[in-house]
Protein backbone atom coordinates (compact mmCIF):
# COMPACT_ATOMS: atom_id res chain seq x y z
CA MET A 1 -6.42 6.01 -10.66
CA HIS A 2 -4.73 2.89 -9.27
CA ILE A 3 -4.06 3.02 -5.50
CA LEU A 4 -2.15 0.67 -3.21
CA VAL A 5 -3.05 0.63 0.48
CA ILE A 6 -0.35 -0.80 2.77
CA GLU A 7 -1.75 -1.09 6.31
CA ASP A 8 -1.01 -3.79 8.88
CA GLU A 9 -4.37 -3.48 10.66
CA GLU A 10 -6.56 -5.69 8.49
CA GLN A 11 -9.93 -4.08 9.30
CA LEU A 12 -8.60 -0.56 8.75
CA CYS A 13 -6.99 -1.65 5.48
CA ARG A 14 -10.29 -3.11 4.24
CA SER A 15 -12.23 -0.01 5.29
CA ILE A 16 -9.90 2.40 3.52
CA ALA A 17 -9.92 0.29 0.35
CA GLU A 18 -13.70 -0.07 0.36
CA GLY A 19 -14.16 3.69 0.70
CA LEU A 20 -11.79 4.31 -2.19
CA ARG A 21 -13.56 1.71 -4.35
CA MET A 22 -16.92 3.31 -3.60
CA ASP A 23 -15.46 6.56 -4.94
CA GLY A 24 -14.44 4.78 -8.15
CA TYR A 25 -10.76 4.09 -7.54
CA GLU A 26 -9.03 0.84 -8.48
CA THR A 27 -7.50 -0.31 -5.19
CA ASP A 28 -5.11 -3.07 -4.14
CA THR A 29 -4.28 -3.86 -0.53
CA CYS A 30 -1.59 -5.60 1.48
CA LEU A 31 -0.80 -5.99 5.15
CA ASP A 32 2.97 -5.45 5.24
CA GLY A 33 5.80 -3.59 3.55
CA ASP A 34 7.38 -6.69 1.99
CA GLU A 35 4.19 -7.58 0.14
CA GLY A 36 3.77 -3.94 -0.85
CA LEU A 37 7.24 -3.94 -2.41
CA GLU A 38 6.41 -7.09 -4.37
CA LEU A 39 3.24 -5.48 -5.72
CA CYS A 40 5.16 -2.34 -6.68
CA MET A 41 7.52 -4.46 -8.78
CA THR A 42 4.66 -5.89 -10.85
CA GLU A 43 2.04 -3.11 -10.87
CA ASN A 44 2.05 0.62 -11.58
CA TYR A 45 0.40 2.72 -8.89
CA ASP A 46 -0.62 6.35 -9.05
CA LEU A 47 -0.74 6.61 -5.27
CA ILE A 48 0.44 4.53 -2.32
CA LEU A 49 -1.22 5.01 1.07
CA LEU A 50 1.34 3.72 3.54
CA ASP A 51 1.16 3.06 7.28
CA ILE A 52 4.34 4.33 8.93
CA GLU A 53 4.32 2.10 12.03
CA MET A 54 4.38 -1.50 10.82
CA LYS A 55 6.22 -4.50 12.16
CA HIS A 56 9.28 -5.89 10.40
CA LEU A 57 9.55 -3.40 7.51
CA ASP A 58 8.22 -0.02 8.65
CA GLY A 59 6.59 2.52 6.39
CA MET A 60 9.61 4.80 6.08
CA GLU A 61 11.86 1.95 4.94
CA THR A 62 9.14 0.69 2.60
CA ALA A 63 8.86 4.16 1.04
CA ARG A 64 12.64 4.37 0.63
CA ARG A 65 12.75 1.00 -1.13
CA VAL A 66 9.80 1.86 -3.40
CA ARG A 67 11.62 5.02 -4.50
CA GLU A 68 14.69 2.90 -5.30
CA LEU A 69 12.57 0.75 -7.66
CA ASP A 70 11.78 3.74 -9.85
């Protein structure tokens, strides 16, 4: 399973990704919605873990735009 973690708190993002990797998941990370959208255009993810309260492009808008890509 390929998972994308979008979280603007760097330490939390790393911790979540490390836990997922320890459980055997392939995990990519990014720190903002814009970068997450770019990754979604080039990679296929089975699951996206998305922080709702982010600066600039919040999680709800990021989710809306990801759905538009499909």
